[in-house]
Amino acid sequence: MTRHPLPAALPQTDLTRHRRLREQGSLDRADLDAVLDAGFICHLGVIIDGRPLVVPTAYGRDADQLYVHGSVASRSLAADSPVCVTVTHVDGLVLARSVFEHGVNYRSAIIHGVPRRITEPEEKAEGLRRLTEHAAPGQWDYARRPSRKELAATTLLALSLEEASVKIRTGAPDDGEGPDAELGLWAGTLPLVSTWGAPEPAPLLPPDIATPEHVFGREGTRHG
């Protein structure tokens, strides 16, 4: 399959055009990449038997595709039908002087498209490598890799990043110059920061097996 590099700017389509809060929208592909790289869980929206279904699942990516995977029995991983994938990071609460002006600092991306089911073994293994390394860098080379039987039991979909929408909200409340500024109430932001905790060995792990560096090295580092 021939793939071409995606342009630096995101195209505007009927699905991706920013109709509300346009000032928070971005057409910069680098912003899309940053939102995707900051997480590893997405929400996959599909239509099953005429009803909407939104499923949380892990993802990975390369320069122009998003990969999602699951069991071959999963009805949510049906290819050849339109899907919507959403990734959202909450960076804090925006607490204004009035409840109406409250908000959230966030980064989000929505990707639209028709996914492609990957069946070729080498391409599937590469997609699973990217998915694994996206969540846990270093784990693909450390752990046992999937067997042929395990690969056959896994569905891997690739979704082009060509049609995507990005929105980002940062900063403080914007009611400092309005009438509510005279209320004498506190206003500001309450940041939300996630960090990785200390690795917890499996209950039956022999005590002489050390935690690998690529795992314990993430302790205390920021996620997202």
Protein backbone atom coordinates (compact mmCIF):
# COMPACT_ATOMS: atom_id res chain seq x y z
CA MET A 1 0.00 0.00 0.00
CA THR A 2 1.47 3.34 -1.08
CA ARG A 3 1.37 6.06 1.56
CA HIS A 4 2.19 9.71 1.08
CA PRO A 5 3.33 12.19 3.75
CA LEU A 6 0.50 14.28 5.13
CA PRO A 7 0.64 18.07 4.78
CA ALA A 8 1.71 20.29 7.68
CA ALA A 9 -1.75 21.87 7.90
CA LEU A 10 -4.94 19.95 8.67
CA PRO A 11 -7.56 20.28 5.92
CA GLN A 12 -10.96 21.68 6.83
CA THR A 13 -13.90 19.46 5.92
CA ASP A 14 -17.57 19.42 6.91
CA LEU A 15 -16.61 17.07 9.76
CA THR A 16 -13.55 18.95 11.03
CA ARG A 17 -14.50 22.62 10.55
CA HIS A 18 -14.49 24.54 13.84
CA ARG A 19 -17.96 26.04 14.18
CA ARG A 20 -17.85 26.99 17.88
CA LEU A 21 -14.99 28.41 19.95
CA ARG A 22 -12.96 28.82 16.81
CA GLU A 23 -10.19 30.55 18.73
CA GLN A 24 -9.47 27.24 20.45
CA GLY A 25 -9.18 25.36 17.17
CA SER A 26 -5.90 24.52 15.50
CA LEU A 27 -5.05 23.50 11.94
CA ASP A 28 -1.43 22.71 12.81
CA ARG A 29 -0.60 19.04 12.34
CA ALA A 30 2.10 19.38 15.00
CA ASP A 31 -0.66 20.11 17.52
CA LEU A 32 -2.46 16.94 16.44
CA ASP A 33 0.74 14.93 16.88
CA ALA A 34 1.31 16.45 20.33
CA VAL A 35 -2.20 15.58 21.53
CA LEU A 36 -1.85 11.99 20.29
CA ASP A 37 1.63 11.57 21.74
CA ALA A 38 0.51 12.77 25.17
CA GLY A 39 -1.85 9.83 25.72
CA PHE A 40 -2.47 6.21 24.83
CA ILE A 41 -6.20 5.72 25.44
CA CYS A 42 -8.77 6.87 22.90
CA HIS A 43 -12.53 6.53 22.56
CA LEU A 44 -13.63 4.77 19.39
CA GLY A 45 -17.10 5.69 18.19
CA VAL A 46 -18.91 3.30 15.87
CA ILE A 47 -22.45 2.41 14.79
CA ILE A 48 -23.51 -1.16 15.63
CA ASP A 49 -26.94 -2.34 14.44
CA GLY A 50 -28.04 1.26 14.02
CA ARG A 51 -27.01 2.31 17.54
CA PRO A 52 -23.97 4.38 18.60
CA LEU A 53 -21.25 2.64 20.62
CA VAL A 54 -18.22 4.38 22.11
CA VAL A 55 -15.42 2.11 23.32
CA PRO A 56 -12.24 3.09 25.19
CA THR A 57 -9.19 1.37 23.74
CA ALA A 58 -5.42 1.72 23.50
CA TYR A 59 -3.87 3.28 20.42
CA GLY A 60 -0.54 3.97 18.78
CA ARG A 61 0.49 5.88 15.71
CA ASP A 62 3.04 6.49 13.01
CA ALA A 63 3.43 9.61 10.89
CA ASP A 64 0.07 9.30 9.14
CA GLN A 65 -1.96 6.50 10.73
CA LEU A 66 -3.58 5.70 14.05
CA TYR A 67 -3.64 2.06 15.18
CA VAL A 68 -6.31 0.52 17.44
CA HIS A 69 -6.58 -3.14 18.35
CA GLY A 70 -8.72 -5.70 20.12
CA SER A 71 -10.12 -9.22 19.93
CA VAL A 72 -11.31 -10.60 16.59
CA ALA A 73 -14.66 -11.10 18.35
CA SER A 74 -15.03 -7.39 19.09
CA ARG A 75 -17.91 -5.94 17.08
CA SER A 76 -16.56 -2.42 17.63
CA LEU A 77 -13.51 -3.17 15.48
CA ALA A 78 -15.36 -3.66 12.23
CA ALA A 79 -13.51 -2.21 9.26
CA ASP A 80 -14.94 -0.56 6.15
CA SER A 81 -17.45 1.63 8.07
CA PRO A 82 -17.00 5.25 9.20
CA VAL A 83 -15.69 5.73 12.74
CA CYS A 84 -14.77 8.62 14.98
CA VAL A 85 -11.81 8.48 17.38
CA THR A 86 -11.44 10.99 20.21
CA VAL A 87 -8.46 11.70 22.46
CA THR A 88 -8.86 14.22 25.30
CA HIS A 89 -6.51 15.49 28.03
CA VAL A 90 -7.85 17.56 30.91
CA ASP A 91 -5.22 20.06 32.11
CA GLY A 92 -7.26 21.83 34.79
CA LEU A 93 -10.40 23.61 35.86
CA VAL A 94 -11.05 27.24 35.00
CA LEU A 95 -12.86 28.70 38.02
CA ALA A 96 -14.40 32.05 37.24
CA ARG A 97 -16.33 34.49 39.41
CA SER A 98 -19.61 33.19 37.99
CA VAL A 99 -20.59 29.59 37.36
CA PHE A 100 -21.62 30.50 33.81
CA GLU A 101 -18.01 31.44 32.95
CA HIS A 102 -16.44 28.28 34.40
CA GLY A 103 -14.54 26.08 31.98
CA VAL A 104 -11.85 23.48 31.45
CA ASN A 105 -8.31 23.73 30.12
CA TYR A 106 -7.92 20.83 27.75
CA ARG A 107 -6.35 19.40 24.63
CA SER A 108 -8.43 17.26 22.29
CA ALA A 109 -8.31 15.63 18.89
CA ILE A 110 -11.04 14.00 16.82
CA ILE A 111 -10.16 11.79 13.86
CA HIS A 112 -12.74 10.76 11.26
CA GLY A 113 -12.41 8.11 8.63
CA VAL A 114 -12.96 4.55 7.48
CA PRO A 115 -10.43 2.22 9.12
CA ARG A 116 -8.48 -0.43 7.27
CA ARG A 117 -8.10 -3.91 8.72
CA ILE A 118 -4.46 -4.99 8.72
CA THR A 119 -4.01 -8.66 7.80
CA GLU A 120 -0.45 -8.91 6.50
CA PRO A 121 1.60 -10.45 9.37
CA GLU A 122 4.62 -8.14 9.17
CA GLU A 123 2.48 -5.01 8.95
CA LYS A 124 0.32 -6.23 11.83
CA ALA A 125 3.40 -6.90 13.98
CA GLU A 126 4.75 -3.44 13.19
CA GLY A 127 1.42 -1.84 14.08
CA LEU A 128 1.30 -3.72 17.38
CA ARG A 129 4.88 -2.68 18.08
CA ARG A 130 3.96 0.96 17.62
CA LEU A 131 0.88 0.54 19.81
CA THR A 132 2.92 -1.15 22.57
CA GLU A 133 5.78 1.33 22.43
CA HIS A 134 3.35 4.25 22.46
CA ALA A 135 2.08 3.24 25.91
CA ALA A 136 5.19 1.59 27.34
CA PRO A 137 8.42 2.55 25.55
CA GLY A 138 10.95 -0.27 25.69
CA GLN A 139 8.41 -3.01 26.41
CA TRP A 140 8.31 -4.48 22.89
CA ASP A 141 11.98 -5.49 23.05
CA TYR A 142 11.72 -6.59 26.69
CA ALA A 143 8.64 -8.83 26.72
CA ARG A 144 7.76 -11.87 24.63
CA ARG A 145 6.28 -10.83 21.32
CA PRO A 146 2.96 -12.15 19.97
CA SER A 147 2.86 -15.66 18.57
CA ARG A 148 1.22 -16.48 15.25
CA LYS A 149 -1.83 -17.74 17.14
CA GLU A 150 -2.02 -14.54 19.16
CA LEU A 151 -1.66 -12.41 16.05
CA ALA A 152 -4.48 -14.34 14.41
CA ALA A 153 -6.69 -13.67 17.46
CA THR A 154 -6.01 -9.93 17.28
CA THR A 155 -7.74 -7.38 15.11
CA LEU A 156 -5.66 -4.34 14.20
CA LEU A 157 -7.18 -1.37 12.43
CA ALA A 158 -5.34 1.53 10.81
CA LEU A 159 -7.09 4.88 10.53
CA SER A 160 -5.65 7.68 8.43
CA LEU A 161 -4.91 10.94 10.26
CA GLU A 162 -5.85 12.89 7.17
CA GLU A 163 -9.22 14.12 8.46
CA ALA A 164 -8.81 15.42 12.01
CA SER A 165 -9.88 18.28 14.24
CA VAL A 166 -7.87 19.75 17.14
CA LYS A 167 -8.95 22.08 19.93
CA ILE A 168 -6.88 23.45 22.80
CA ARG A 169 -7.94 25.69 25.69
CA THR A 170 -5.34 27.25 28.00
CA GLY A 171 -5.16 30.15 30.39
CA ALA A 172 -7.16 31.87 33.11
CA PRO A 173 -10.81 32.93 33.33
CA ASP A 174 -11.60 35.82 31.03
CA ASP A 175 -14.08 37.65 33.28
CA GLY A 176 -11.53 39.90 34.99
CA GLU A 177 -12.73 43.00 33.18
CA GLY A 178 -16.47 42.35 33.39
CA PRO A 179 -19.07 43.25 36.00
CA ASP A 180 -18.35 40.08 38.01
CA ALA A 181 -14.86 41.39 38.79
CA GLU A 182 -16.49 43.62 41.42
CA LEU A 183 -17.88 40.67 43.39
CA GLY A 184 -14.70 40.23 45.43
CA LEU A 185 -14.54 36.50 44.64
CA TRP A 186 -11.47 34.39 43.92
CA ALA A 187 -10.97 33.31 40.31
CA GLY A 188 -8.20 31.33 38.66
CA THR A 189 -7.22 27.88 37.47
CA LEU A 190 -6.83 24.57 39.29
CA PRO A 191 -4.24 22.56 37.32
CA LEU A 192 -4.59 18.80 36.97
CA VAL A 193 -1.30 16.91 36.68
CA SER A 194 -0.89 13.11 36.40
CA THR A 195 2.36 11.37 37.29
CA TRP A 196 3.46 7.74 37.13
CA GLY A 197 3.69 6.01 40.48
CA ALA A 198 6.11 3.38 41.77
CA PRO A 199 6.04 0.07 39.83
CA GLU A 200 4.22 -2.72 41.71
CA PRO A 201 5.58 -6.25 41.04
CA ALA A 202 3.12 -9.00 40.18
CA PRO A 203 2.17 -11.12 43.23
CA LEU A 204 3.90 -14.29 41.98
CA LEU A 205 7.01 -12.56 40.58
CA PRO A 206 10.22 -14.11 41.98
CA PRO A 207 12.01 -11.54 44.17
CA ASP A 208 15.26 -11.82 42.23
CA ILE A 209 13.71 -10.39 39.03
CA ALA A 210 14.50 -6.70 38.94
CA THR A 211 12.22 -4.02 37.54
CA PRO A 212 13.56 -3.08 34.08
CA GLU A 213 14.95 0.40 33.65
CA HIS A 214 12.38 1.44 31.06
CA VAL A 215 9.66 0.78 33.67
CA PHE A 216 11.11 2.15 36.91
CA GLY A 217 12.56 5.13 35.01
CA ARG A 218 9.04 6.49 34.48
CA GLU A 219 8.27 6.71 38.20
CA GLY A 220 7.56 10.29 39.17
CA THR A 221 7.51 11.52 35.59
CA ARG A 222 4.53 13.38 34.21
CA HIS A 223 1.94 11.65 32.08
CA GLY A 224 0.33 13.63 29.32
